[in-house]
C-alpha cells in the first residue's frame, strides 16, 4: 500500500466589522434586520449606480495583513469577478485579482509541541453576496427561493493560505489562530455559526517523497472548527482509498454533511474557473501611503502570541493555561481583571496568577460550558471571583466550600462574601470545637489509632478525613491535622 501525504490549503472569508457596507452607505449590520431593509440602488446593482470604497474596511484589512506578517501593496486595485448566480445582484462581484492589498505573509501555529509556519499567499478585499432562502410550497411541494439583499455588499476579506498544511489538526489550529488574531484586532466577530467566518478547504494527497501536487478537491459547507477537522480527515481517507483501489481523484467541489459525517459531490470543477477578471472601471486604482500603514501599525494591539508569552514569562503560567486564556481576547481581559481586583484589595501575591487561572479555566469554564455561555458573559464578575480567591487565601473557606460558592455565584451573580454568609460556608477555625471532633474521631477508630502507634503515619490522614466528614468539610484542614497528631502523640 502506498503511503500518502496530505496537502491542504485553506481559503477563509471573514466579514469585517464596519458601520456601512463596502461600496455604499447602507448599514452593514444585517443579522437582526428585516429582509431587504438595508438596501439601496448600489447594493441592489441598479444601472447607473457608482460604488465608493469604504476607508474603514481598507484600514482593517491592512491591520490584518500586518498581523499576518504580510507585505502591504502601495498600489492596488479592484477587479470585477464575473459569474452567474442568483445571489449576485450585479451579475459580478467587486473583488481583487492580480494586485491584492496584502501579500506574502505567514502564520505560525503550534501542534503537538512543535511550531509550524504556514505561508499566506494573499489577503484581499471583496464584497459579500445576498442570502438565499430555499423554501417548499405547502400545497404543491414545489420548491422556490427567496433573496435577502441585506448581506450583499458587506465588506468581506478573503485570506488565501498556501498549501503548507499537512494534517486536519494543523488546519484546525490554523483557523483557531487566525480567528483569534481577527478578534484581538477587533476587525471581525469570527463567528462560524453566524457566517461571519467561513472556510473552504482544498485537499489533495500525494505519495510521500513526491513534490508534485495531487488532484485538488475543494470542500465547502463547514460551519465549525470540528466540522473542518472531520471533513478534512474524511476527505484524506476517501482519497487514499480511491487511489489504493486503482481509481483516480476527480477535481470537484464537495460539500460536508454534518449529519452523516461525510463529503458529497456538489459539482465538477475544471482546471481553472474562468471568472473573466478585468479592472473595475467604476473604482480608481488605490494608492496606500506607507505613512498611513505606519500609523495603522502603531495602533496594533497586543496579539495572542505576545499575550501568551507575557502570561508565561511574567505571570509564570504553564503553556497550556496561557494558551487557554489567550485564545479569546475577552477571556484574557476577564482573567487580567481578576488579577487587578485581587491585587487592589489584597496587595501583591505570588500565587494569585496561577490560582486565578485554575479557577477561571476549570470551575468557571465548566459552569460556562454547561450553561452554554462564554466565560466572560457569565453572571460571575471578575471582581467577585477575585473576592472568592481572597477568601480561600485567608482560609475563610476551604476549596470544597469554594466550589459550592462559585456555582451559586455563577447562578445568582451575588458576591463571594454574601454567598458564603448565605450558605453558611465559612470554615470552622475554633480549636476547641475542632478538638472535640478530633477526640471523637480517635475514640471511634481504635484500629486507625493502633496503626499510627505502629508507625503508619497515613493513619493520621484517615482520622483527619473523618473529622472533615463530621464537620461537612468546614473545619480548617491544617488545624484538624495539627490537633489529630497532637492528641495521638499524647496517647503514646
Protein backbone atom coordinates (compact mmCIF):
# COMPACT_ATOMS: atom_id res chain seq x y z
CA UNK A 1 0.00 0.00 0.00
CA UNK A 2 1.36 3.44 -0.96
CA UNK A 3 1.86 5.86 1.91
CA UNK A 4 0.37 9.23 1.06
CA UNK A 5 0.97 12.75 2.34
CA UNK A 6 -1.96 15.19 2.58
CA UNK A 7 -1.56 18.65 1.06
CA UNK A 8 -4.08 21.18 2.42
CA UNK A 9 -4.67 24.83 1.69
CA UNK A 10 -7.41 26.94 3.28
CA UNK A 11 -9.34 29.88 1.91
CA UNK A 12 -11.00 31.86 4.68
CA UNK A 13 -13.60 34.60 4.30
CA UNK A 14 -14.19 36.97 7.21
CA UNK A 15 -16.80 39.72 7.33
CA UNK A 16 -15.31 42.95 8.61
CA UNK A 17 -16.95 44.98 11.37
CA UNK A 18 -17.87 48.33 9.81
CA UNK A 19 -20.84 50.66 10.15
CA UNK A 20 -21.61 50.68 6.44
CA UNK A 21 -21.19 48.30 3.52
CA UNK A 22 -18.12 48.06 1.32
CA UNK A 23 -19.26 50.31 -1.55
CA UNK A 24 -22.36 52.13 -0.26
CA UNK A 25 -23.71 53.78 2.89
CA UNK A 26 -26.24 51.05 3.79
CA UNK A 27 -25.84 49.66 7.35
CA UNK A 28 -23.61 46.58 7.39
CA UNK A 29 -25.30 45.05 10.46
CA UNK A 30 -27.82 42.79 8.75
CA UNK A 31 -28.24 39.91 11.25
CA UNK A 32 -31.35 41.19 13.05
CA UNK A 33 -32.75 43.41 10.29
CA UNK A 34 -35.96 42.76 8.39
CA UNK A 35 -35.26 41.15 4.98
CA UNK A 36 -34.32 43.65 2.26
CA UNK A 37 -34.43 46.63 4.65
CA UNK A 38 -30.72 47.56 4.41
CA UNK A 39 -30.57 48.09 0.66
CA UNK A 40 -30.03 50.87 -1.84
CA UNK A 41 -29.55 51.19 -5.64
CA UNK A 42 -25.81 50.43 -5.27
CA UNK A 43 -26.09 47.09 -3.44
CA UNK A 44 -29.16 46.19 -5.50
CA UNK A 45 -27.00 46.52 -8.60
CA UNK A 46 -29.28 49.00 -10.36
CA UNK A 47 -27.94 50.53 -13.61
CA UNK A 48 -26.14 53.84 -13.33
CA UNK A 49 -25.05 53.49 -9.72
CA UNK A 50 -21.44 54.04 -8.68
CA UNK A 51 -19.59 52.34 -5.78
CA UNK A 52 -17.44 54.22 -3.26
CA UNK A 53 -14.62 52.48 -1.32
CA UNK A 54 -15.11 52.08 2.45
CA UNK A 55 -11.93 53.53 4.01
CA UNK A 56 -12.50 51.76 7.37
CA UNK A 57 -12.62 48.38 5.63
CA UNK A 58 -9.29 49.12 3.93
CA UNK A 59 -7.80 50.10 7.28
CA UNK A 60 -8.93 46.84 8.85
CA UNK A 61 -7.58 44.65 6.08
CA UNK A 62 -4.23 46.43 6.41
CA UNK A 63 -4.28 45.76 10.17
CA UNK A 64 -4.93 42.09 9.43
CA UNK A 65 -2.17 41.92 6.85
CA UNK A 66 0.35 43.44 9.27
CA UNK A 67 -0.67 40.97 11.99
CA UNK A 68 -0.13 38.13 9.47
CA UNK A 69 3.37 39.38 8.57
CA UNK A 70 2.23 40.36 5.06
CA UNK A 71 3.65 42.93 2.73
CA UNK A 72 1.24 45.83 2.08
CA UNK A 73 0.94 46.92 -1.53
CA UNK A 74 1.44 50.63 -2.25
CA UNK A 75 -0.55 50.27 -5.47
CA UNK A 76 -3.64 48.09 -5.52
CA UNK A 77 -6.87 47.95 -7.50
CA UNK A 78 -10.28 46.33 -7.61
CA UNK A 79 -11.48 43.90 -10.27
CA UNK A 80 -14.77 42.50 -11.48
CA UNK A 81 -15.18 38.79 -10.87
CA UNK A 82 -17.86 37.56 -13.24
CA UNK A 83 -20.01 34.52 -12.54
CA UNK A 84 -23.77 33.92 -12.79
CA UNK A 85 -25.62 33.14 -9.59
CA UNK A 86 -28.93 34.39 -8.14
CA UNK A 87 -27.30 35.87 -5.01
CA UNK A 88 -25.00 38.11 -7.08
CA UNK A 89 -27.07 41.25 -7.54
CA UNK A 90 -24.88 42.98 -10.12
CA UNK A 91 -24.05 39.81 -12.04
CA UNK A 92 -20.44 40.25 -10.90
CA UNK A 93 -18.56 40.66 -7.64
CA UNK A 94 -16.16 43.51 -6.96
CA UNK A 95 -13.05 41.72 -5.74
CA UNK A 96 -9.27 41.83 -6.31
CA UNK A 97 -7.26 39.75 -8.73
CA UNK A 98 -3.61 40.44 -9.52
CA UNK A 99 -2.87 43.27 -7.08
CA UNK A 100 -4.20 42.31 -3.62
CA UNK A 101 -3.74 44.72 -0.73
CA UNK A 102 -1.83 42.19 1.43
CA UNK A 103 0.58 39.56 0.12
CA UNK A 104 3.26 37.02 1.10
CA UNK A 105 2.68 36.58 4.81
CA UNK A 106 2.72 33.67 7.25
CA UNK A 107 1.10 32.38 10.40
CA UNK A 108 2.92 30.26 12.99
CA UNK A 109 0.89 27.55 14.69
CA UNK A 110 1.75 25.02 17.40
CA UNK A 111 0.73 21.38 17.08
CA UNK A 112 1.97 18.62 19.41
CA UNK A 113 4.57 20.94 20.89
CA UNK A 114 6.09 21.83 17.51
CA UNK A 115 5.82 25.16 15.71
CA UNK A 116 4.78 25.06 12.05
CA UNK A 117 4.92 28.07 9.73
CA UNK A 118 2.07 28.22 7.24
CA UNK A 119 2.50 30.58 4.30
CA UNK A 120 -0.16 33.09 3.32
CA UNK A 121 -0.36 33.91 -0.36
CA UNK A 122 -2.65 36.93 -0.12
CA UNK A 123 -5.36 38.75 1.80
CA UNK A 124 -7.68 40.71 -0.46
CA UNK A 125 -10.83 42.78 -0.24
CA UNK A 126 -14.19 41.98 -1.79
CA UNK A 127 -17.92 42.18 -1.04
CA UNK A 128 -20.34 39.61 0.31
CA UNK A 129 -23.33 38.38 -1.68
CA UNK A 130 -27.04 38.25 -0.95
CA UNK A 131 -28.51 35.39 1.05
CA UNK A 132 -30.79 32.76 -0.48
CA UNK A 133 -33.56 31.04 1.45
CA UNK A 134 -34.84 27.83 -0.14
CA UNK A 135 -38.48 27.00 0.57
CA UNK A 136 -41.08 24.38 -0.40
CA UNK A 137 -44.62 25.36 -1.30
CA UNK A 138 -47.05 23.81 1.19
CA UNK A 139 -49.72 22.60 -1.20
CA UNK A 140 -47.85 21.60 -4.35
CA UNK A 141 -44.50 20.72 -2.82
CA UNK A 142 -42.76 22.87 -5.45
CA UNK A 143 -39.51 24.46 -4.45
CA UNK A 144 -38.75 28.16 -4.63
CA UNK A 145 -36.12 30.56 -3.29
CA UNK A 146 -36.24 33.95 -1.61
CA UNK A 147 -33.45 36.52 -1.77
CA UNK A 148 -32.45 38.78 1.14
CA UNK A 149 -30.15 41.52 -0.17
CA UNK A 150 -29.23 42.89 3.29
CA UNK A 151 -25.92 40.94 3.29
CA UNK A 152 -24.98 41.96 -0.27
CA UNK A 153 -22.11 44.42 -0.22
CA UNK A 154 -20.95 43.74 3.37
CA UNK A 155 -17.12 44.04 3.48
CA UNK A 156 -15.63 40.59 3.05
CA UNK A 157 -11.93 39.82 3.48
CA UNK A 158 -10.51 36.69 1.91
CA UNK A 159 -7.28 35.13 3.15
CA UNK A 160 -5.72 32.56 0.82
CA UNK A 161 -3.25 30.25 2.53
CA UNK A 162 -0.50 28.35 0.76
CA UNK A 163 -0.77 24.53 0.61
CA UNK A 164 1.57 24.09 3.57
CA UNK A 165 -0.84 22.30 5.92
CA UNK A 166 -0.33 18.55 6.29
CA UNK A 167 -2.93 17.36 8.83
CA UNK A 168 -6.50 18.09 9.84
CA UNK A 169 -5.28 19.17 13.27
CA UNK A 170 -2.90 21.70 11.69
CA UNK A 171 -5.84 23.06 9.71
CA UNK A 172 -7.91 23.41 12.87
CA UNK A 173 -5.14 25.18 14.79
CA UNK A 174 -4.51 27.46 11.81
CA UNK A 175 -8.16 28.54 11.79
CA UNK A 176 -8.27 28.96 15.58
CA UNK A 177 -5.13 31.11 15.49
CA UNK A 178 -6.39 33.23 12.59
CA UNK A 179 -9.79 33.83 14.19
CA UNK A 180 -8.10 34.76 17.46
CA UNK A 181 -6.00 37.37 15.65
CA UNK A 182 -9.10 38.85 14.00
CA UNK A 183 -10.85 39.07 17.38
CA UNK A 184 -7.82 40.68 19.06
CA UNK A 185 -7.67 43.25 16.26
CA UNK A 186 -11.42 43.85 16.59
CA UNK A 187 -11.89 43.60 12.82
CA UNK A 188 -14.32 40.63 12.75
CA UNK A 189 -16.51 38.67 15.14
CA UNK A 190 -15.06 35.45 13.70
CA UNK A 191 -18.33 33.55 14.23
CA UNK A 192 -18.61 30.48 12.02
CA UNK A 193 -22.11 29.80 13.35
CA UNK A 194 -23.35 33.22 12.20
CA UNK A 195 -21.48 33.04 8.90
CA UNK A 196 -19.07 35.91 9.51
CA UNK A 197 -16.13 33.47 9.37
CA UNK A 198 -16.21 30.83 6.59
CA UNK A 199 -13.68 28.33 5.39
CA UNK A 200 -13.17 26.31 2.21
CA UNK A 201 -10.53 23.59 2.25
CA UNK A 202 -8.53 22.46 -0.76
CA UNK A 203 -7.42 18.89 -0.08
CA UNK A 204 -5.20 16.57 -2.11
CA UNK A 205 -2.83 13.70 -1.37
CA UNK A 206 0.43 12.61 -2.95
CA UNK A 207 2.87 9.75 -2.39
CA UNK A 208 5.34 10.62 0.36
CA UNK A 209 8.56 11.99 -1.05
CA UNK A 210 6.93 13.31 -4.23
CA UNK A 211 6.97 17.09 -4.77
CA UNK A 212 4.19 17.34 -7.38
CA UNK A 213 0.70 18.09 -6.13
CA UNK A 214 -2.13 15.60 -6.49
CA UNK A 215 -5.60 16.39 -7.84
CA UNK A 216 -7.25 19.00 -5.66
CA UNK A 217 -10.75 18.69 -4.18
CA UNK A 218 -12.47 21.73 -2.67
CA UNK A 219 -14.60 21.10 0.43
CA UNK A 220 -17.35 23.55 1.45
CA UNK A 221 -20.24 23.87 3.94
CA UNK A 222 -18.19 23.58 7.15
CA UNK A 223 -19.58 25.77 9.95
CA UNK A 224 -17.38 24.85 12.92
CA UNK A 225 -13.75 24.02 13.68
CA UNK A 226 -14.85 20.48 14.48
CA UNK A 227 -16.54 20.22 11.09
CA UNK A 228 -13.39 21.40 9.31
CA UNK A 229 -11.33 18.80 11.16
CA UNK A 230 -13.76 15.96 10.45
CA UNK A 231 -14.29 16.93 6.80
CA UNK A 232 -10.56 17.01 6.06
CA UNK A 233 -10.00 13.71 7.88
CA UNK A 234 -12.81 12.12 5.87
CA UNK A 235 -11.54 13.51 2.58
CA UNK A 236 -7.97 12.31 3.18
CA UNK A 237 -9.29 8.84 3.98
CA UNK A 238 -11.64 8.85 0.97
CA UNK A 239 -8.94 9.89 -1.48
CA UNK A 240 -6.48 7.36 -0.06
CA UNK A 241 -8.99 4.53 -0.53
CA UNK A 242 -9.76 5.63 -4.10
CA UNK A 243 -6.10 5.62 -5.12
CA UNK A 244 -5.30 2.36 -3.32
CA UNK A 245 -8.17 0.70 -5.18
CA UNK A 246 -6.76 1.81 -8.52
CA UNK A 247 -9.14 4.72 -9.07
CA UNK A 248 -8.43 8.37 -9.82
CA UNK A 249 -9.34 11.54 -7.95
CA UNK A 250 -11.73 13.82 -9.80
CA UNK A 251 -11.24 17.55 -9.42
CA UNK A 252 -14.52 18.71 -7.96
CA UNK A 253 -16.27 20.68 -5.26
CA UNK A 254 -17.65 18.59 -2.42
CA UNK A 255 -19.89 19.54 0.49
CA UNK A 256 -19.59 18.42 4.10
CA UNK A 257 -22.70 16.74 5.52
CA UNK A 258 -22.59 17.04 9.30
CA UNK A 259 -25.39 14.52 9.92
CA UNK A 260 -23.66 11.67 8.08
CA UNK A 261 -20.06 12.70 8.68
CA UNK A 262 -19.08 12.60 5.01
CA UNK A 263 -18.41 14.77 1.99
CA UNK A 264 -20.63 14.54 -1.10
CA UNK A 265 -20.03 15.71 -4.65
CA UNK A 266 -21.62 19.07 -5.46
CA UNK A 267 -20.22 19.85 -8.89
CA UNK A 268 -17.27 19.01 -11.10
CA UNK A 269 -14.58 21.63 -11.47
CA UNK A 270 -12.44 22.50 -14.46
CA UNK A 271 -8.72 23.13 -14.15
CA UNK A 272 -9.42 26.82 -13.56
CA UNK A 273 -12.55 28.91 -13.15
CA UNK A 274 -12.94 31.47 -15.94
CA UNK A 275 -14.17 34.43 -13.94
CA UNK A 276 -13.14 36.84 -16.75
CA UNK A 277 -11.48 39.20 -14.29
CA UNK A 278 -10.97 42.74 -15.52
CA UNK A 279 -10.23 46.02 -13.69
CA UNK A 280 -13.29 47.57 -12.06
CA UNK A 281 -13.99 50.62 -14.26
CA UNK A 282 -16.07 52.43 -11.61
CA UNK A 283 -13.30 52.46 -8.98
CA UNK A 284 -9.91 54.14 -9.42
CA UNK A 285 -6.65 52.33 -8.52
CA UNK A 286 -5.90 52.70 -4.82
CA UNK A 287 -2.63 54.16 -3.52
CA UNK A 288 -1.78 53.08 0.03
CA UNK A 289 0.66 55.57 1.53
CA UNK A 290 3.47 53.99 3.61
CA UNK A 291 2.90 56.71 6.23
CA UNK A 292 -0.70 55.54 6.68
CA UNK A 293 0.45 51.93 7.01
CA UNK A 294 2.92 53.07 9.69
CA UNK A 295 0.10 54.84 11.56
CA UNK A 296 -2.02 51.68 11.44
CA UNK A 297 0.92 49.53 12.59
CA UNK A 298 1.31 51.77 15.63
CA UNK A 299 -2.33 51.07 16.55
CA UNK A 300 -1.99 47.28 16.58
CA UNK A 301 -2.88 45.79 19.98
CA UNK A 302 -1.01 43.08 21.83
CA UNK A 303 -1.64 39.97 19.72
CA UNK A 304 -2.39 36.44 21.03
CA UNK A 305 1.17 35.11 20.72
CA UNK A 306 2.57 38.16 22.51
CA UNK A 307 0.00 37.97 25.29
CA UNK A 308 0.57 34.26 25.72
CA UNK A 309 4.32 34.82 26.02
CA UNK A 310 3.71 37.52 28.64
CA UNK A 311 1.42 35.22 30.64
CA UNK A 312 4.10 32.54 30.61
CA UNK A 313 7.15 34.76 31.23
CA UNK A 314 5.74 37.40 33.58
CA UNK A 315 2.96 35.50 35.37
CA UNK A 316 4.53 32.05 35.40
CA UNK A 317 1.58 30.26 33.79
CA UNK A 318 2.02 26.93 32.05
CA UNK A 319 1.93 26.99 28.23
CA UNK A 320 -1.40 25.17 28.35
CA UNK A 321 -3.08 27.62 30.74
CA UNK A 322 -1.61 30.62 28.93
CA UNK A 323 -2.87 29.25 25.62
CA UNK A 324 -6.36 28.59 27.02
CA UNK A 325 -6.68 32.08 28.50
CA UNK A 326 -5.36 33.98 25.48
CA UNK A 327 -7.42 32.11 22.86
CA UNK A 328 -10.09 34.83 23.21
CA UNK A 329 -9.27 38.49 23.91
CA UNK A 330 -12.35 38.85 26.11
CA UNK A 331 -11.39 35.81 28.18
CA UNK A 332 -7.85 37.13 28.61
CA UNK A 333 -9.30 40.51 29.63
CA UNK A 334 -11.56 38.75 32.17
CA UNK A 335 -8.58 36.92 33.67
CA UNK A 336 -6.46 40.04 33.93
CA UNK A 337 -9.38 41.86 35.53
CA UNK A 338 -9.48 39.15 38.23
CA UNK A 339 -5.78 39.76 38.93
CA UNK A 340 -6.32 43.51 39.04
CA UNK A 341 -9.23 43.31 41.51
CA UNK A 342 -7.38 40.83 43.74
CA UNK A 343 -4.19 42.94 43.85
CA UNK A 344 -6.14 46.13 44.50
CA UNK A 345 -7.89 44.55 47.51
CA UNK A 346 -5.07 42.41 48.92
CA UNK A 347 -1.77 43.64 47.53
CA UNK A 348 0.75 41.64 45.50
CA UNK A 349 0.68 37.85 45.71
CA UNK A 350 2.99 35.15 44.37
CA UNK A 351 0.15 32.67 43.93
CA UNK A 352 -2.75 34.69 42.54
CA UNK A 353 -1.78 34.33 38.85
CA UNK A 354 -1.89 30.53 38.88
CA UNK A 355 -4.82 30.35 41.31
CA UNK A 356 -6.93 32.72 39.18
CA UNK A 357 -6.02 30.78 36.04
CA UNK A 358 -7.12 27.50 37.60
CA UNK A 359 -10.44 28.87 38.85
CA UNK A 360 -11.15 30.63 35.55
CA UNK A 361 -10.31 27.70 33.29
CA UNK A 362 -11.50 24.78 35.41
CA UNK A 363 -14.51 25.70 37.55
CA UNK A 364 -15.78 28.76 35.69
CA UNK A 365 -15.07 27.04 32.37
CA UNK A 366 -17.12 24.00 33.43
CA UNK A 367 -20.07 26.09 34.55
CA UNK A 368 -19.97 28.20 31.38
CA UNK A 369 -19.91 25.11 29.16
CA UNK A 370 -22.89 23.62 31.00
CA UNK A 371 -24.84 26.89 30.65
CA UNK A 372 -23.70 27.39 27.02
CA UNK A 373 -22.41 30.90 27.67
CA UNK A 374 -18.96 32.39 27.25
CA UNK A 375 -16.98 32.75 30.48
CA UNK A 376 -16.72 36.50 30.06
CA UNK A 377 -20.51 36.74 29.68
CA UNK A 378 -21.29 34.80 32.87
CA UNK A 379 -23.04 36.49 35.83
CA UNK A 380 -19.90 35.83 37.89
CA UNK A 381 -17.88 39.03 37.58
CA UNK A 382 -14.06 39.22 37.77
CA UNK A 383 -14.39 41.24 40.98
CA UNK A 384 -16.48 38.54 42.65
CA UNK A 385 -14.11 35.74 41.54
CA UNK A 386 -11.17 37.73 42.92
CA UNK A 387 -13.03 38.08 46.22
CA UNK A 388 -13.66 34.32 46.34
CA UNK A 389 -9.97 33.55 45.83
CA UNK A 390 -9.16 36.07 48.56
CA UNK A 391 -11.46 34.23 50.99
CA UNK A 392 -9.66 30.97 50.16
CA UNK A 393 -6.27 32.55 50.76
CA UNK A 394 -7.43 33.92 54.10
CA UNK A 395 -8.72 30.42 54.96
CA UNK A 396 -12.21 31.82 55.46
CA UNK A 397 -13.42 28.96 53.28
CA UNK A 398 -11.82 25.76 52.02
CA UNK A 399 -11.57 24.54 48.44
CA UNK A 400 -14.67 22.33 48.66
CA UNK A 401 -16.76 25.20 50.06
CA UNK A 402 -15.33 27.47 47.36
CA UNK A 403 -16.60 25.12 44.65
CA UNK A 404 -20.06 25.25 46.18
CA UNK A 405 -19.84 29.02 46.41
CA UNK A 406 -18.66 29.57 42.83
CA UNK A 407 -21.56 27.55 41.44
CA UNK A 408 -24.04 29.60 43.45
CA UNK A 409 -22.34 32.86 42.45
CA UNK A 410 -22.46 31.83 38.79
CA UNK A 411 -26.22 31.31 39.03
CA UNK A 412 -27.10 34.32 41.18
CA UNK A 413 -24.46 36.92 40.38
CA UNK A 414 -24.01 37.59 44.13
CA UNK A 415 -20.68 38.45 45.73
CA UNK A 416 -18.44 35.87 47.37
CA UNK A 417 -18.91 37.18 50.93
CA UNK A 418 -22.70 37.34 50.55
CA UNK A 419 -22.79 33.82 49.16
CA UNK A 420 -20.57 32.39 51.90
CA UNK A 421 -22.74 34.03 54.60
CA UNK A 422 -25.98 32.97 52.95
CA UNK A 423 -24.94 29.33 52.54
CA UNK A 424 -23.02 29.11 55.83
CA UNK A 425 -19.80 28.03 54.12
CA UNK A 426 -17.26 29.73 56.42
CA UNK A 427 -14.59 27.41 57.82
CA UNK A 428 -14.56 26.29 61.44
CA UNK A 429 -11.34 27.59 62.97
CA UNK A 430 -12.20 27.30 66.65
CA UNK A 431 -9.62 24.92 68.13
CA UNK A 432 -11.92 23.77 70.93
CA UNK A 433 -14.70 22.75 68.53
CA UNK A 434 -12.27 21.03 66.18
CA UNK A 435 -10.53 19.40 69.17
CA UNK A 436 -13.79 17.83 70.31
CA UNK A 437 -14.39 16.44 66.80
CA UNK A 438 -10.82 15.11 66.67
CA UNK A 439 -11.25 13.40 70.03
CA UNK A 440 -14.46 11.74 68.81
CA UNK A 441 -12.76 10.51 65.63
CA UNK A 442 -9.90 9.00 67.62
CA UNK A 443 -12.27 7.29 70.05
CA UNK A 444 -14.42 5.87 67.25
CA UNK A 445 -11.49 4.45 65.24
CA UNK A 446 -9.20 2.38 67.55
CA UNK A 447 -7.75 0.39 64.63
CA UNK A 448 -6.52 3.61 62.98
CA UNK A 449 -5.00 4.69 66.31
CA UNK A 450 -3.25 1.30 66.60
CA UNK A 451 -1.89 1.68 63.07
CA UNK A 452 -0.48 5.11 63.92
CA UNK A 453 1.14 3.76 67.07
CA UNK A 454 2.70 1.05 64.89
CA UNK A 455 4.35 3.71 62.75
CA UNK A 456 1.80 4.09 59.96
CA UNK A 457 1.58 7.87 59.64
CA UNK A 458 -1.08 7.58 56.93
CA UNK A 459 -3.49 6.57 59.67
CA UNK A 460 -3.45 10.19 60.85
CA UNK A 461 -4.69 11.29 57.41
CA UNK A 462 -7.57 8.84 57.71
CA UNK A 463 -8.56 10.38 61.02
CA UNK A 464 -8.29 13.88 59.55
CA UNK A 465 -10.71 12.74 56.85
CA UNK A 466 -13.14 11.52 59.50
CA UNK A 467 -13.12 14.91 61.19
CA UNK A 468 -13.69 16.67 57.85
CA UNK A 469 -16.58 14.30 57.20
CA UNK A 470 -18.19 15.05 60.56
CA UNK A 471 -17.81 18.81 60.04
CA UNK A 472 -19.01 18.51 56.42
CA UNK A 473 -15.70 19.80 55.16
CA UNK A 474 -15.96 23.09 57.03
CA UNK A 475 -13.15 22.52 59.56
CA UNK A 476 -9.83 24.12 58.72
CA UNK A 477 -7.72 21.17 57.43
CA UNK A 478 -4.40 22.40 58.79
CA UNK A 479 -5.86 22.90 62.31
CA UNK A 480 -7.50 19.46 62.13
CA UNK A 481 -4.21 17.84 61.14
CA UNK A 482 -2.31 19.57 63.95
CA UNK A 483 -4.85 18.58 66.61
CA UNK A 484 -5.12 14.95 65.42
CA UNK A 485 -1.35 14.47 65.58
CA UNK A 486 -1.19 16.29 68.92
CA UNK A 487 -3.83 14.03 70.50
CA UNK A 488 -2.31 10.85 69.03
CA UNK A 489 1.12 11.77 70.33
CA UNK A 490 -0.37 12.36 73.76
CA UNK A 491 -1.61 8.75 73.79
CA UNK A 492 1.87 7.29 73.36
